[in-house]
Amino acid sequence: MRVSTNQYSQMMSSSLNNNSLGLNKLMQQMATGKRVLLPSDDPMAATRVMSLGRQQAAIGQYQSNIDAADLALKSQETYLSNGVDVMQQIRDLMLWAGNDTNGPAEREAIASELEQLQDTLVSLINAKDENGKYIFSGNEVNTKPLDRDEEGNWVYNGDDGIREVVIGDGVTVKLNVNAGDMFFNEDGSNLFDQLDELITELRDPNFSPTDSDLLESSINMLDQALGNVTGEITNLGVRQNTLTTMSDGHSEVELFNNHLIGQLEDLDYADAMIEFNNYLLALQATQATYMKTANMSLFSMM
């Protein structure tokens, strides 16, 4: 078969072009460290990488949610733990008030300290988070949970709403604790009104602990509230453990996915160098052959 000069030139140009394209692509791969630059380079690998990338993005969001939830739960635990300390002090004062050797001055001192501790406890329950939202008011985060009504009675202004956050595929964790569940009974009775009554009675000159049912009922209500609060602290700890477990699991999956993505799209530099040298040799050989044959003529054979 006879090959014309024009055909030969086209063959040489095509070979030079293909080798140049292959060399340029390989240089891009080596510069980025990625074997798959376009989906067409390896459609199956590119599809898997995209799928793993979506999973990694979801894990990143879960981890972000976990970090925010962990901060919120730890903040609530701190306030409630401080509240338990205050309530234990209140209980000690109640027991002291039951001593019938106390005179009016001692009972006034007890009443004054109970007032201060009550204010401290209310302040802890009315705490806000870093965004200025009330922590213990359910979904009513812009409403102060504890306050007095027009008659001076204590009321819970929040709701019993539950805020949850997604920390995994189909996995959520409860974020909040509300003051109503901890301190208020279904009939509206609550520790704070009970403390008000006890403080008023202690300041009565005729107060006698042996004749007072209020002191015993106040201790009982305080113990009930203490049980509620310590129970919620325990629940907060359980949720934090759940967050830790989920976070550790996400980290392991994330690490494994990164390994898979690397296997699918990362360049093997040893193989790439061999291929680079092959392209370079082929390109040089083609160029040398083309230049030599291009200068040939019948006159060179004479």
C-alpha atoms as a PDB file:
ATOM      1  CA  MET A   1       0.000   0.000   0.000  1.00  0.00           C
ATOM      2  CA  ARG A   2       1.407   3.351  -1.007  1.00  0.00           C
ATOM      3  CA  VAL A   3       1.385   6.106   1.617  1.00  0.00           C
ATOM      4  CA  SER A   4       1.362   9.597   0.216  1.00  0.00           C
ATOM      5  CA  THR A   5       3.433  12.432   1.643  1.00  0.00           C
ATOM      6  CA  ASN A   6       0.256  14.127   2.874  1.00  0.00           C
ATOM      7  CA  GLN A   7      -0.959  10.984   4.633  1.00  0.00           C
ATOM      8  CA  TYR A   8       2.423  10.466   6.228  1.00  0.00           C
ATOM      9  CA  SER A   9       2.416  14.053   7.472  1.00  0.00           C
ATOM     10  CA  GLN A  10      -1.043  13.612   8.970  1.00  0.00           C
ATOM     11  CA  MET A  11       0.045  10.391  10.712  1.00  0.00           C
ATOM     12  CA  MET A  12       3.070  12.094  12.207  1.00  0.00           C
ATOM     13  CA  SER A  13       0.998  15.110  13.313  1.00  0.00           C
ATOM     14  CA  SER A  14      -1.626  12.842  14.882  1.00  0.00           C
ATOM     15  CA  SER A  15       1.045  10.897  16.748  1.00  0.00           C
ATOM     16  CA  LEU A  16       2.688  14.086  17.986  1.00  0.00           C
ATOM     17  CA  ASN A  17      -0.680  15.472  19.063  1.00  0.00           C
ATOM     18  CA  ASN A  18      -1.741  12.291  20.903  1.00  0.00           C
ATOM     19  CA  ASN A  19       1.566  12.018  22.723  1.00  0.00           C
ATOM     20  CA  SER A  20       1.474  15.710  23.624  1.00  0.00           C
ATOM     21  CA  LEU A  21      -2.081  15.433  24.965  1.00  0.00           C
ATOM     22  CA  GLY A  22      -1.184  12.332  26.954  1.00  0.00           C
ATOM     23  CA  LEU A  23       1.895  14.042  28.355  1.00  0.00           C
ATOM     24  CA  ASN A  24      -0.028  17.207  29.298  1.00  0.00           C
ATOM     25  CA  LYS A  25      -2.763  15.210  31.011  1.00  0.00           C
ATOM     26  CA  LEU A  26      -0.202  13.206  32.941  1.00  0.00           C
ATOM     27  CA  MET A  27       1.523  16.431  34.022  1.00  0.00           C
ATOM     28  CA  GLN A  28      -1.834  17.738  35.293  1.00  0.00           C
ATOM     29  CA  GLN A  29      -2.384  14.492  37.199  1.00  0.00           C
ATOM     30  CA  MET A  30       1.065  14.727  38.744  1.00  0.00           C
ATOM     31  CA  ALA A  31       0.537  18.392  39.653  1.00  0.00           C
ATOM     32  CA  THR A  32      -2.801  17.687  41.399  1.00  0.00           C
ATOM     33  CA  GLY A  33      -1.955  14.227  42.701  1.00  0.00           C
ATOM     34  CA  LYS A  34      -5.260  13.019  41.267  1.00  0.00           C
ATOM     35  CA  ARG A  35      -5.647  10.182  38.782  1.00  0.00           C
ATOM     36  CA  VAL A  36      -9.269  11.104  37.986  1.00  0.00           C
ATOM     37  CA  LEU A  37      -9.468  14.664  36.730  1.00  0.00           C
ATOM     38  CA  LEU A  38     -12.728  14.284  34.796  1.00  0.00           C
ATOM     39  CA  PRO A  39     -15.595  11.783  35.194  1.00  0.00           C
ATOM     40  CA  SER A  40     -14.735  10.435  31.741  1.00  0.00           C
ATOM     41  CA  ASP A  41     -11.277   9.387  33.009  1.00  0.00           C
ATOM     42  CA  ASP A  42     -12.901   6.613  35.059  1.00  0.00           C
ATOM     43  CA  PRO A  43     -16.719   6.844  35.185  1.00  0.00           C
ATOM     44  CA  MET A  44     -17.145   4.106  37.784  1.00  0.00           C
ATOM     45  CA  ALA A  45     -14.508   5.550  40.110  1.00  0.00           C
ATOM     46  CA  ALA A  46     -15.855   9.078  39.626  1.00  0.00           C
ATOM     47  CA  THR A  47     -19.368   7.926  40.556  1.00  0.00           C
ATOM     48  CA  ARG A  48     -18.139   6.245  43.728  1.00  0.00           C
ATOM     49  CA  VAL A  49     -16.062   9.290  44.667  1.00  0.00           C
ATOM     50  CA  MET A  50     -19.111  11.543  44.256  1.00  0.00           C
ATOM     51  CA  SER A  51     -21.193   9.217  46.433  1.00  0.00           C
ATOM     52  CA  LEU A  52     -18.508   9.092  49.099  1.00  0.00           C
ATOM     53  CA  GLY A  53     -18.170  12.871  48.907  1.00  0.00           C
ATOM     54  CA  ARG A  54     -21.878  13.297  49.653  1.00  0.00           C
ATOM     55  CA  GLN A  55     -21.528  10.938  52.601  1.00  0.00           C
ATOM     56  CA  GLN A  56     -18.528  12.902  53.855  1.00  0.00           C
ATOM     57  CA  ALA A  57     -20.507  16.137  53.617  1.00  0.00           C
ATOM     58  CA  ALA A  58     -23.337  14.583  55.648  1.00  0.00           C
ATOM     59  CA  ILE A  59     -20.862  13.355  58.254  1.00  0.00           C
ATOM     60  CA  GLY A  60     -19.379  16.845  58.444  1.00  0.00           C
ATOM     61  CA  GLN A  61     -22.845  18.257  59.193  1.00  0.00           C
ATOM     62  CA  TYR A  62     -23.491  15.562  61.801  1.00  0.00           C
ATOM     63  CA  GLN A  63     -20.190  16.349  63.500  1.00  0.00           C
ATOM     64  CA  SER A  64     -21.026  20.053  63.501  1.00  0.00           C
ATOM     65  CA  ASN A  65     -24.420  19.274  65.070  1.00  0.00           C
ATOM     66  CA  ILE A  66     -22.743  17.051  67.653  1.00  0.00           C
ATOM     67  CA  ASP A  67     -20.286  19.782  68.636  1.00  0.00           C
ATOM     68  CA  ALA A  68     -23.103  22.311  69.079  1.00  0.00           C
ATOM     69  CA  ALA A  69     -25.252  19.812  70.993  1.00  0.00           C
ATOM     70  CA  ASP A  70     -22.366  18.834  73.262  1.00  0.00           C
ATOM     71  CA  LEU A  71     -21.792  22.495  74.136  1.00  0.00           C
ATOM     72  CA  ALA A  72     -25.501  22.998  74.882  1.00  0.00           C
ATOM     73  CA  LEU A  73     -25.776  19.878  77.053  1.00  0.00           C
ATOM     74  CA  LYS A  74     -22.620  20.691  79.004  1.00  0.00           C
ATOM     75  CA  SER A  75     -23.883  24.215  79.614  1.00  0.00           C
ATOM     76  CA  GLN A  76     -27.198  22.905  80.970  1.00  0.00           C
ATOM     77  CA  GLU A  77     -25.390  20.357  83.123  1.00  0.00           C
ATOM     78  CA  THR A  78     -23.217  23.094  84.627  1.00  0.00           C
ATOM     79  CA  TYR A  79     -26.182  25.305  85.523  1.00  0.00           C
ATOM     80  CA  LEU A  80     -28.180  22.406  86.944  1.00  0.00           C
ATOM     81  CA  SER A  81     -25.221  21.089  88.950  1.00  0.00           C
ATOM     82  CA  ASN A  82     -24.792  24.542  90.451  1.00  0.00           C
ATOM     83  CA  GLY A  83     -28.518  24.541  91.115  1.00  0.00           C
ATOM     84  CA  VAL A  84     -28.209  21.262  93.021  1.00  0.00           C
ATOM     85  CA  ASP A  85     -25.504  22.827  95.211  1.00  0.00           C
ATOM     86  CA  VAL A  86     -27.812  25.757  95.963  1.00  0.00           C
ATOM     87  CA  MET A  87     -30.741  23.452  96.719  1.00  0.00           C
ATOM     88  CA  GLN A  88     -28.596  21.417  99.096  1.00  0.00           C
ATOM     89  CA  GLN A  89     -27.775  24.629 100.958  1.00  0.00           C
ATOM     90  CA  ILE A  90     -31.480  25.466 101.075  1.00  0.00           C
ATOM     91  CA  ARG A  91     -32.186  22.032 102.517  1.00  0.00           C
ATOM     92  CA  ASP A  92     -29.543  22.495 105.219  1.00  0.00           C
ATOM     93  CA  LEU A  93     -31.171  25.805 106.185  1.00  0.00           C
ATOM     94  CA  MET A  94     -34.604  24.180 106.315  1.00  0.00           C
ATOM     95  CA  LEU A  95     -33.275  21.528 108.667  1.00  0.00           C
ATOM     96  CA  TRP A  96     -31.644  24.223 110.771  1.00  0.00           C
ATOM     97  CA  ALA A  97     -34.929  26.146 110.856  1.00  0.00           C
ATOM     98  CA  GLY A  98     -36.530  23.082 112.412  1.00  0.00           C
ATOM     99  CA  ASN A  99     -34.376  23.501 115.512  1.00  0.00           C
ATOM    100  CA  ASP A 100     -36.719  24.880 118.205  1.00  0.00           C
ATOM    101  CA  THR A 101     -33.809  26.542 120.021  1.00  0.00           C
ATOM    102  CA  ASN A 102     -33.622  29.232 117.325  1.00  0.00           C
ATOM    103  CA  GLY A 103     -34.875  32.638 118.346  1.00  0.00           C
ATOM    104  CA  PRO A 104     -36.310  35.403 116.143  1.00  0.00           C
ATOM    105  CA  ALA A 105     -32.827  36.676 115.195  1.00  0.00           C
ATOM    106  CA  GLU A 106     -31.655  33.249 114.065  1.00  0.00           C
ATOM    107  CA  ARG A 107     -34.858  32.661 112.097  1.00  0.00           C
ATOM    108  CA  GLU A 108     -34.482  36.072 110.426  1.00  0.00           C
ATOM    109  CA  ALA A 109     -30.951  35.143 109.412  1.00  0.00           C
ATOM    110  CA  ILE A 110     -32.212  31.859 107.987  1.00  0.00           C
ATOM    111  CA  ALA A 111     -35.015  33.631 106.122  1.00  0.00           C
ATOM    112  CA  SER A 112     -32.608  36.195 104.644  1.00  0.00           C
ATOM    113  CA  GLU A 113     -30.216  33.519 103.472  1.00  0.00           C
ATOM    114  CA  LEU A 114     -33.096  31.511 101.995  1.00  0.00           C
ATOM    115  CA  GLU A 115     -34.100  34.595 100.012  1.00  0.00           C
ATOM    116  CA  GLN A 116     -30.588  34.981  98.637  1.00  0.00           C
ATOM    117  CA  LEU A 117     -30.357  31.325  97.719  1.00  0.00           C
ATOM    118  CA  GLN A 118     -33.761  31.459  96.066  1.00  0.00           C
ATOM    119  CA  ASP A 119     -32.613  34.431  93.968  1.00  0.00           C
ATOM    120  CA  THR A 120     -29.476  32.505  93.018  1.00  0.00           C
ATOM    121  CA  LEU A 121     -31.491  29.441  92.002  1.00  0.00           C
ATOM    122  CA  VAL A 122     -33.898  31.561  89.940  1.00  0.00           C
ATOM    123  CA  SER A 123     -30.931  33.240  88.251  1.00  0.00           C
ATOM    124  CA  LEU A 124     -29.460  29.858  87.300  1.00  0.00           C
ATOM    125  CA  ILE A 125     -32.754  28.622  85.855  1.00  0.00           C
ATOM    126  CA  ASN A 126     -33.203  31.895  83.940  1.00  0.00           C
ATOM    127  CA  ALA A 127     -29.749  31.569  82.369  1.00  0.00           C
ATOM    128  CA  LYS A 128     -29.156  32.324  78.690  1.00  0.00           C
ATOM    129  CA  ASP A 129     -26.873  30.664  76.156  1.00  0.00           C
ATOM    130  CA  GLU A 130     -24.162  32.356  74.088  1.00  0.00           C
ATOM    131  CA  ASN A 131     -26.836  33.538  71.628  1.00  0.00           C
ATOM    132  CA  GLY A 132     -28.904  35.242  74.299  1.00  0.00           C
ATOM    133  CA  LYS A 133     -31.602  32.528  74.302  1.00  0.00           C
ATOM    134  CA  TYR A 134     -33.109  31.185  77.515  1.00  0.00           C
ATOM    135  CA  ILE A 135     -31.887  27.660  78.168  1.00  0.00           C
ATOM    136  CA  PHE A 136     -34.671  26.172  80.314  1.00  0.00           C
ATOM    137  CA  SER A 137     -37.855  27.521  78.676  1.00  0.00           C
ATOM    138  CA  GLY A 138     -38.559  24.760  76.164  1.00  0.00           C
ATOM    139  CA  ASN A 139     -39.217  26.150  72.695  1.00  0.00           C
ATOM    140  CA  GLU A 140     -39.984  29.613  74.107  1.00  0.00           C
ATOM    141  CA  VAL A 141     -36.296  30.532  73.996  1.00  0.00           C
ATOM    142  CA  ASN A 142     -37.014  34.275  73.976  1.00  0.00           C
ATOM    143  CA  THR A 143     -39.170  34.104  77.124  1.00  0.00           C
ATOM    144  CA  LYS A 144     -37.798  34.146  80.670  1.00  0.00           C
ATOM    145  CA  PRO A 145     -38.818  30.775  82.113  1.00  0.00           C
ATOM    146  CA  LEU A 146     -39.304  31.838  85.762  1.00  0.00           C
ATOM    147  CA  ASP A 147     -41.023  35.037  86.842  1.00  0.00           C
ATOM    148  CA  ARG A 148     -43.660  36.360  89.186  1.00  0.00           C
ATOM    149  CA  ASP A 149     -47.180  37.136  88.018  1.00  0.00           C
ATOM    150  CA  GLU A 150     -49.150  40.236  88.990  1.00  0.00           C
ATOM    151  CA  GLU A 151     -50.107  38.640  92.303  1.00  0.00           C
ATOM    152  CA  GLY A 152     -46.514  37.831  93.158  1.00  0.00           C
ATOM    153  CA  ASN A 153     -46.797  34.100  92.543  1.00  0.00           C
ATOM    154  CA  TRP A 154     -44.139  32.232  90.636  1.00  0.00           C
ATOM    155  CA  VAL A 155     -45.049  30.998  87.144  1.00  0.00           C
ATOM    156  CA  TYR A 156     -43.324  29.067  84.421  1.00  0.00           C
ATOM    157  CA  ASN A 157     -43.599  31.026  81.166  1.00  0.00           C
ATOM    158  CA  GLY A 158     -41.974  28.502  78.865  1.00  0.00           C
ATOM    159  CA  ASP A 159     -43.510  25.385  77.321  1.00  0.00           C
ATOM    160  CA  ASP A 160     -42.808  21.658  77.375  1.00  0.00           C
ATOM    161  CA  GLY A 161     -41.447  21.677  73.824  1.00  0.00           C
ATOM    162  CA  ILE A 162     -38.585  19.369  72.925  1.00  0.00           C
ATOM    163  CA  ARG A 163     -35.755  20.562  70.707  1.00  0.00           C
ATOM    164  CA  GLU A 164     -33.859  17.842  68.872  1.00  0.00           C
ATOM    165  CA  VAL A 165     -30.867  17.771  66.562  1.00  0.00           C
ATOM    166  CA  VAL A 166     -29.887  15.180  63.965  1.00  0.00           C
ATOM    167  CA  ILE A 167     -26.557  13.534  64.816  1.00  0.00           C
ATOM    168  CA  GLY A 168     -26.665  10.601  62.389  1.00  0.00           C
ATOM    169  CA  ASP A 169     -28.740   8.937  59.711  1.00  0.00           C
ATOM    170  CA  GLY A 170     -32.126   8.726  61.441  1.00  0.00           C
ATOM    171  CA  VAL A 171     -30.564   9.456  64.857  1.00  0.00           C
ATOM    172  CA  THR A 172     -31.566  12.484  66.935  1.00  0.00           C
ATOM    173  CA  VAL A 173     -30.779  13.642  70.455  1.00  0.00           C
ATOM    174  CA  LYS A 174     -32.852  15.831  72.768  1.00  0.00           C
ATOM    175  CA  LEU A 175     -31.225  19.187  73.363  1.00  0.00           C
ATOM    176  CA  ASN A 176     -33.214  20.836  76.117  1.00  0.00           C
ATOM    177  CA  VAL A 177     -34.544  20.550  79.654  1.00  0.00           C
ATOM    178  CA  ASN A 178     -37.359  22.827  80.786  1.00  0.00           C
ATOM    179  CA  ALA A 179     -37.843  24.349  84.208  1.00  0.00           C
ATOM    180  CA  GLY A 180     -41.531  23.461  84.304  1.00  0.00           C
ATOM    181  CA  ASP A 181     -40.828  19.739  84.473  1.00  0.00           C
ATOM    182  CA  MET A 182     -38.274  20.173  87.230  1.00  0.00           C
ATOM    183  CA  PHE A 183     -39.932  22.625  89.614  1.00  0.00           C
ATOM    184  CA  PHE A 184     -43.671  22.795  88.889  1.00  0.00           C
ATOM    185  CA  ASN A 185     -46.356  20.217  89.669  1.00  0.00           C
ATOM    186  CA  GLU A 186     -49.514  19.621  87.643  1.00  0.00           C
ATOM    187  CA  ASP A 187     -51.595  21.491  90.210  1.00  0.00           C
ATOM    188  CA  GLY A 188     -49.369  24.566  89.831  1.00  0.00           C
ATOM    189  CA  SER A 189     -47.622  24.170  93.174  1.00  0.00           C
ATOM    190  CA  ASN A 190     -43.904  24.803  92.972  1.00  0.00           C
ATOM    191  CA  LEU A 191     -40.768  25.093  95.058  1.00  0.00           C
ATOM    192  CA  PHE A 192     -40.466  28.865  94.699  1.00  0.00           C
ATOM    193  CA  ASP A 193     -43.924  29.691  96.076  1.00  0.00           C
ATOM    194  CA  GLN A 194     -43.220  27.190  98.849  1.00  0.00           C
ATOM    195  CA  LEU A 195     -40.001  29.028  99.694  1.00  0.00           C
ATOM    196  CA  ASP A 196     -41.864  32.354  99.764  1.00  0.00           C
ATOM    197  CA  GLU A 197     -44.349  30.953 102.268  1.00  0.00           C
ATOM    198  CA  LEU A 198     -41.621  29.431 104.418  1.00  0.00           C
ATOM    199  CA  ILE A 199     -39.603  32.670 104.452  1.00  0.00           C
ATOM    200  CA  THR A 200     -42.703  34.621 105.505  1.00  0.00           C
ATOM    201  CA  GLU A 201     -43.503  32.111 108.247  1.00  0.00           C
ATOM    202  CA  LEU A 202     -39.935  32.141 109.591  1.00  0.00           C
ATOM    203  CA  ARG A 203     -40.236  35.894 110.074  1.00  0.00           C
ATOM    204  CA  ASP A 204     -43.397  35.475 112.112  1.00  0.00           C
ATOM    205  CA  PRO A 205     -42.459  36.112 115.778  1.00  0.00           C
ATOM    206  CA  ASN A 206     -44.861  33.363 116.800  1.00  0.00           C
ATOM    207  CA  PHE A 207     -43.314  30.739 114.517  1.00  0.00           C
ATOM    208  CA  SER A 208     -42.821  27.363 116.143  1.00  0.00           C
ATOM    209  CA  PRO A 209     -41.233  24.500 114.151  1.00  0.00           C
ATOM    210  CA  THR A 210     -43.143  21.930 116.197  1.00  0.00           C
ATOM    211  CA  ASP A 211     -46.466  23.500 115.232  1.00  0.00           C
ATOM    212  CA  SER A 212     -45.607  24.109 111.550  1.00  0.00           C
ATOM    213  CA  ASP A 213     -46.567  21.718 108.789  1.00  0.00           C
ATOM    214  CA  LEU A 214     -45.076  24.084 106.209  1.00  0.00           C
ATOM    215  CA  LEU A 215     -41.489  23.286 107.110  1.00  0.00           C
ATOM    216  CA  GLU A 216     -41.960  19.555 106.517  1.00  0.00           C
ATOM    217  CA  SER A 217     -43.909  20.069 103.287  1.00  0.00           C
ATOM    218  CA  SER A 218     -41.207  22.489 102.079  1.00  0.00           C
ATOM    219  CA  ILE A 219     -38.517  19.882 102.659  1.00  0.00           C
ATOM    220  CA  ASN A 220     -40.618  17.292 100.824  1.00  0.00           C
ATOM    221  CA  MET A 221     -41.142  19.607  97.854  1.00  0.00           C
ATOM    222  CA  LEU A 222     -37.450  20.493  97.800  1.00  0.00           C
ATOM    223  CA  ASP A 223     -36.516  16.801  97.812  1.00  0.00           C
ATOM    224  CA  GLN A 224     -38.902  16.211  94.915  1.00  0.00           C
ATOM    225  CA  ALA A 225     -37.317  19.051  92.933  1.00  0.00           C
ATOM    226  CA  LEU A 226     -33.855  17.782  93.816  1.00  0.00           C
ATOM    227  CA  GLY A 227     -34.781  14.366  92.471  1.00  0.00           C
ATOM    228  CA  ASN A 228     -36.100  15.937  89.267  1.00  0.00           C
ATOM    229  CA  VAL A 229     -32.982  18.010  88.726  1.00  0.00           C
ATOM    230  CA  THR A 230     -30.498  15.237  89.497  1.00  0.00           C
ATOM    231  CA  GLY A 231     -32.480  12.947  87.187  1.00  0.00           C
ATOM    232  CA  GLU A 232     -32.164  15.485  84.377  1.00  0.00           C
ATOM    233  CA  ILE A 233     -28.420  15.796  85.055  1.00  0.00           C
ATOM    234  CA  THR A 234     -28.147  12.035  84.663  1.00  0.00           C
ATOM    235  CA  ASN A 235     -30.098  12.214  81.396  1.00  0.00           C
ATOM    236  CA  LEU A 236     -27.795  14.965  80.151  1.00  0.00           C
ATOM    237  CA  GLY A 237     -24.826  12.712  80.867  1.00  0.00           C
ATOM    238  CA  VAL A 238     -26.422   9.844  78.949  1.00  0.00           C
ATOM    239  CA  ARG A 239     -27.005  12.118  75.956  1.00  0.00           C
ATOM    240  CA  GLN A 240     -23.416  13.345  76.062  1.00  0.00           C
ATOM    241  CA  ASN A 241     -22.240   9.736  76.018  1.00  0.00           C
ATOM    242  CA  THR A 242     -24.445   9.169  72.977  1.00  0.00           C
ATOM    243  CA  LEU A 243     -22.846  12.164  71.275  1.00  0.00           C
ATOM    244  CA  THR A 244     -19.367  10.832  72.012  1.00  0.00           C
ATOM    245  CA  THR A 245     -20.240   7.398  70.650  1.00  0.00           C
ATOM    246  CA  MET A 246     -21.749   8.842  67.478  1.00  0.00           C
ATOM    247  CA  SER A 247     -18.820  11.227  66.985  1.00  0.00           C
ATOM    248  CA  ASP A 248     -16.303   8.410  67.311  1.00  0.00           C
ATOM    249  CA  GLY A 249     -18.288   6.336  64.824  1.00  0.00           C
ATOM    250  CA  HIS A 250     -18.448   9.215  62.344  1.00  0.00           C
ATOM    251  CA  SER A 251     -14.707   9.774  62.661  1.00  0.00           C
ATOM    252  CA  GLU A 252     -13.995   6.138  61.830  1.00  0.00           C
ATOM    253  CA  VAL A 253     -16.324   6.194  58.805  1.00  0.00           C
ATOM    254  CA  GLU A 254     -14.829   9.496  57.668  1.00  0.00           C
ATOM    255  CA  LEU A 255     -11.306   8.075  57.885  1.00  0.00           C
ATOM    256  CA  PHE A 256     -12.317   4.937  55.984  1.00  0.00           C
ATOM    257  CA  ASN A 257     -14.083   6.986  53.304  1.00  0.00           C
ATOM    258  CA  ASN A 258     -11.013   9.177  52.844  1.00  0.00           C
ATOM    259  CA  HIS A 259      -8.963   6.025  52.366  1.00  0.00           C
ATOM    260  CA  LEU A 260     -11.407   4.731  49.743  1.00  0.00           C
ATOM    261  CA  ILE A 261     -11.467   8.069  47.937  1.00  0.00           C
ATOM    262  CA  GLY A 262      -7.681   8.042  47.885  1.00  0.00           C
ATOM    263  CA  GLN A 263      -7.615   4.581  46.394  1.00  0.00           C
ATOM    264  CA  LEU A 264     -10.117   5.593  43.723  1.00  0.00           C
ATOM    265  CA  GLU A 265      -8.748   8.936  42.596  1.00  0.00           C
ATOM    266  CA  ASP A 266      -5.199   9.420  43.907  1.00  0.00           C
ATOM    267  CA  LEU A 267      -2.311   9.060  41.488  1.00  0.00           C
ATOM    268  CA  ASP A 268       0.347   6.368  41.853  1.00  0.00           C
ATOM    269  CA  TYR A 269       3.447   8.481  41.279  1.00  0.00           C
ATOM    270  CA  ALA A 270       5.705   5.485  40.581  1.00  0.00           C
ATOM    271  CA  ASP A 271       3.463   4.305  37.743  1.00  0.00           C
ATOM    272  CA  ALA A 272       2.966   7.893  36.611  1.00  0.00           C
ATOM    273  CA  MET A 273       6.735   8.445  36.263  1.00  0.00           C
ATOM    274  CA  ILE A 274       7.070   5.324  34.137  1.00  0.00           C
ATOM    275  CA  GLU A 275       4.181   6.462  31.934  1.00  0.00           C
ATOM    276  CA  PHE A 276       5.649   9.983  31.798  1.00  0.00           C
ATOM    277  CA  ASN A 277       8.975   8.654  30.545  1.00  0.00           C
ATOM    278  CA  ASN A 278       7.207   6.471  27.970  1.00  0.00           C
ATOM    279  CA  TYR A 279       5.251   9.447  26.624  1.00  0.00           C
ATOM    280  CA  LEU A 280       8.388  11.558  26.558  1.00  0.00           C
ATOM    281  CA  LEU A 281      10.383   8.918  24.682  1.00  0.00           C
ATOM    282  CA  ALA A 282       7.541   8.379  22.224  1.00  0.00           C
ATOM    283  CA  LEU A 283       7.200  12.095  21.658  1.00  0.00           C
ATOM    284  CA  GLN A 284      10.929  12.544  21.122  1.00  0.00           C
ATOM    285  CA  ALA A 285      11.096   9.560  18.766  1.00  0.00           C
ATOM    286  CA  THR A 286       8.147  10.792  16.729  1.00  0.00           C
ATOM    287  CA  GLN A 287       9.624  14.274  16.492  1.00  0.00           C
ATOM    288  CA  ALA A 288      13.023  12.883  15.401  1.00  0.00           C
ATOM    289  CA  THR A 289      11.443  10.579  12.835  1.00  0.00           C
ATOM    290  CA  TYR A 290       9.251  13.346  11.451  1.00  0.00           C
ATOM    291  CA  MET A 291      12.156  15.777  11.130  1.00  0.00           C
ATOM    292  CA  LYS A 292      14.336  13.163   9.410  1.00  0.00           C
ATOM    293  CA  THR A 293      11.744  12.037   6.919  1.00  0.00           C
ATOM    294  CA  ALA A 294      10.569  15.576   6.241  1.00  0.00           C
ATOM    295  CA  ASN A 295      14.042  16.504   4.945  1.00  0.00           C
ATOM    296  CA  MET A 296      14.318  13.481   2.679  1.00  0.00           C
ATOM    297  CA  SER A 297      14.071  13.900  -1.151  1.00  0.00           C
ATOM    298  CA  LEU A 298      15.180  12.104  -4.304  1.00  0.00           C
ATOM    299  CA  PHE A 299      18.191  14.366  -4.471  1.00  0.00           C
ATOM    300  CA  SER A 300      19.409  12.990  -1.135  1.00  0.00           C
ATOM    301  CA  MET A 301      19.497   9.501  -2.710  1.00  0.00           C
ATOM    302  CA  MET A 302      21.656  10.558  -5.636  1.00  0.00           C
END
